[in-house]
Amino acid sequence: MGSKSLKTNILSIMEKAVEWAITIILGVMVANIAVAVFGRYVLNHSFPWAEELGRYLMIWMGYLGASLAMKSDEHIGLTAVVSAIPVKIRKWVVLATRLIVEVFLVIILVNSFKHLSTLSIQRSSAMEIPMVIPYFSVTTGSFLMALEELIHIIRGMQQPVD
């Protein structure tokens, strides 16, 4: 097994894990909403933690989903503008924009680590969990998106100019 196939397998396993995590989060969100609705309308009692849990799960799902969108290159783009660029320089313009996005994601990733130590002592209001848990979604999502964007950059550099 070559190193290229090993990297591909590791990346594939990581992406499958993200897909499963999103699936599990979605299932927990559905159960959470069902419990909240049941509590409010059947038991006439609202659970204070239900809204908070839903919010944090939505944030996690958003960041993980953004990494999958980055993988399949489905983030919003200006394809009309890119298509208008002459073919000879299009590859380099696309690579330059990918590098800008990569730098932005790395800046977010590095700065997110700076905030995690402070957030570990703060607690959420309803569930009393460390705020590092919901905010770690920024770190995780930025890392996964930066990794996917780096792969696009490497593949883009390996492609011949049309």
Protein backbone atom coordinates (compact mmCIF):
# COMPACT_ATOMS: atom_id res chain seq x y z
CA MET A 1 0.00 0.00 0.00
CA GLY A 2 1.55 3.30 -1.11
CA SER A 3 1.58 6.47 0.94
CA LYS A 4 -0.88 8.10 -1.47
CA SER A 5 -3.49 5.37 -0.94
CA LEU A 6 -2.86 5.46 2.82
CA LYS A 7 -3.51 9.22 2.83
CA THR A 8 -6.62 8.68 0.73
CA ASN A 9 -7.84 5.96 3.12
CA ILE A 10 -7.21 8.11 6.21
CA LEU A 11 -9.00 11.04 4.59
CA SER A 12 -11.88 8.81 3.55
CA ILE A 13 -12.21 7.42 7.09
CA MET A 14 -12.15 10.95 8.52
CA GLU A 15 -14.85 12.11 6.10
CA LYS A 16 -17.01 9.06 6.91
CA ALA A 17 -16.61 9.83 10.62
CA VAL A 18 -17.80 13.39 9.98
CA GLU A 19 -20.80 12.08 8.04
CA TRP A 20 -21.68 9.71 10.90
CA ALA A 21 -21.23 12.48 13.46
CA ILE A 22 -23.64 14.69 11.51
CA THR A 23 -26.13 11.82 11.29
CA ILE A 24 -25.94 11.23 15.05
CA ILE A 25 -26.24 14.95 15.80
CA LEU A 26 -29.30 15.18 13.56
CA GLY A 27 -30.88 12.20 15.35
CA VAL A 28 -30.22 13.76 18.75
CA MET A 29 -31.67 17.05 17.52
CA VAL A 30 -34.87 15.33 16.39
CA ALA A 31 -35.17 13.51 19.74
CA ASN A 32 -34.44 16.75 21.61
CA ILE A 33 -37.17 18.62 19.73
CA ALA A 34 -39.63 15.77 20.31
CA VAL A 35 -38.91 15.81 24.05
CA ALA A 36 -39.22 19.60 24.17
CA VAL A 37 -42.54 19.60 22.32
CA PHE A 38 -43.87 16.73 24.44
CA GLY A 39 -42.81 18.50 27.62
CA ARG A 40 -44.30 21.82 26.64
CA TYR A 41 -47.62 20.70 25.19
CA VAL A 42 -48.35 17.41 26.98
CA LEU A 43 -46.72 17.86 30.38
CA ASN A 44 -47.18 21.65 30.39
CA HIS A 45 -43.53 21.95 31.44
CA SER A 46 -40.71 23.30 29.32
CA PHE A 47 -37.22 21.90 29.76
CA PRO A 48 -34.73 24.77 30.00
CA TRP A 49 -31.89 22.70 28.57
CA ALA A 50 -33.73 21.69 25.36
CA GLU A 51 -33.30 24.99 23.53
CA GLU A 52 -29.67 25.28 24.58
CA LEU A 53 -28.90 21.72 23.49
CA GLY A 54 -30.58 22.32 20.13
CA ARG A 55 -28.55 25.49 19.60
CA TYR A 56 -25.22 23.80 20.35
CA LEU A 57 -26.04 20.78 18.21
CA MET A 58 -27.00 23.07 15.32
CA ILE A 59 -23.66 24.87 15.60
CA TRP A 60 -21.75 21.58 15.58
CA MET A 61 -23.75 20.33 12.61
CA GLY A 62 -23.12 23.58 10.74
CA TYR A 63 -19.37 23.43 11.15
CA LEU A 64 -19.12 19.74 10.34
CA GLY A 65 -21.43 20.16 7.37
CA ALA A 66 -19.34 23.08 6.13
CA SER A 67 -16.32 20.78 5.99
CA LEU A 68 -18.26 18.28 3.88
CA ALA A 69 -19.39 21.11 1.60
CA MET A 70 -15.73 22.15 1.32
CA LYS A 71 -14.81 18.58 0.39
CA SER A 72 -17.27 18.46 -2.51
CA ASP A 73 -16.57 22.11 -3.43
CA GLU A 74 -20.20 23.11 -2.86
CA HIS A 75 -19.68 26.39 -1.01
CA ILE A 76 -21.08 29.48 -2.65
CA GLY A 77 -18.91 30.80 -5.44
CA LEU A 78 -18.96 33.27 -8.25
CA THR A 79 -18.87 30.81 -11.12
CA ALA A 80 -19.96 33.47 -13.63
CA VAL A 81 -16.92 35.56 -12.73
CA VAL A 82 -14.58 32.55 -12.82
CA SER A 83 -15.97 31.48 -16.19
CA ALA A 84 -15.29 34.96 -17.58
CA ILE A 85 -11.58 34.72 -16.72
CA PRO A 86 -9.39 33.61 -19.63
CA VAL A 87 -8.64 29.88 -19.48
CA LYS A 88 -4.87 30.43 -19.37
CA ILE A 89 -5.02 32.27 -16.04
CA ARG A 90 -8.16 30.73 -14.55
CA LYS A 91 -6.24 27.97 -12.73
CA TRP A 92 -4.00 30.53 -11.04
CA VAL A 93 -6.89 32.80 -10.03
CA VAL A 94 -8.73 29.81 -8.53
CA LEU A 95 -5.56 28.70 -6.70
CA ALA A 96 -5.01 32.24 -5.38
CA THR A 97 -8.56 32.42 -4.03
CA ARG A 98 -8.16 28.98 -2.46
CA LEU A 99 -4.95 30.14 -0.78
CA ILE A 100 -6.75 33.20 0.61
CA VAL A 101 -9.50 30.96 2.01
CA GLU A 102 -6.85 28.62 3.45
CA VAL A 103 -5.06 31.49 5.21
CA PHE A 104 -8.38 32.72 6.61
CA LEU A 105 -9.24 29.25 7.95
CA VAL A 106 -5.80 28.84 9.53
CA ILE A 107 -6.17 32.24 11.24
CA ILE A 108 -9.55 31.19 12.64
CA LEU A 109 -8.10 27.83 13.73
CA VAL A 110 -5.11 29.36 15.52
CA ASN A 111 -7.23 32.02 17.24
CA SER A 112 -9.85 29.48 18.29
CA PHE A 113 -7.20 27.61 20.29
CA LYS A 114 -6.41 30.82 22.18
CA HIS A 115 -10.00 31.07 23.42
CA LEU A 116 -10.50 27.45 24.47
CA SER A 117 -8.62 27.78 27.78
CA THR A 118 -10.83 30.70 28.85
CA LEU A 119 -13.96 28.91 27.74
CA SER A 120 -13.14 25.77 29.73
CA ILE A 121 -13.95 27.59 32.98
CA GLN A 122 -17.22 29.13 31.73
CA ARG A 123 -20.44 27.12 32.01
CA SER A 124 -23.56 27.21 29.89
CA SER A 125 -26.61 28.66 31.59
CA ALA A 126 -29.09 25.76 31.34
CA MET A 127 -27.04 22.57 30.98
CA GLU A 128 -24.04 23.73 33.05
CA ILE A 129 -21.57 22.21 30.56
CA PRO A 130 -18.17 23.82 29.92
CA MET A 131 -18.53 26.32 27.07
CA VAL A 132 -15.45 24.78 25.51
CA ILE A 133 -17.71 21.98 24.20
CA PRO A 134 -19.88 24.14 21.90
CA TYR A 135 -17.01 26.46 20.96
CA PHE A 136 -14.73 23.55 20.06
CA SER A 137 -16.95 23.23 16.98
CA VAL A 138 -15.18 26.32 15.59
CA THR A 139 -11.79 24.69 16.09
CA THR A 140 -12.90 21.33 14.68
CA GLY A 141 -14.76 22.83 11.73
CA SER A 142 -11.93 25.21 10.84
CA PHE A 143 -9.41 22.37 10.96
CA LEU A 144 -11.53 20.10 8.77
CA MET A 145 -12.30 22.87 6.28
CA ALA A 146 -8.63 23.90 6.12
CA LEU A 147 -7.66 20.29 5.49
CA GLU A 148 -10.20 19.91 2.68
CA GLU A 149 -9.14 23.23 1.14
CA LEU A 150 -5.48 22.18 1.31
CA ILE A 151 -6.36 19.02 -0.61
CA HIS A 152 -8.09 21.13 -3.28
CA ILE A 153 -5.01 23.36 -3.50
CA ILE A 154 -2.65 20.41 -3.91
CA ARG A 155 -4.88 18.79 -6.54
CA GLY A 156 -5.26 22.11 -8.33
CA MET A 157 -1.50 22.58 -8.51
CA GLN A 158 -1.09 19.08 -9.94
CA GLN A 159 -3.58 19.69 -12.76
CA PRO A 160 -2.17 20.85 -16.09
CA VAL A 161 -3.16 24.27 -17.39
CA ASP A 162 -5.90 23.89 -20.02
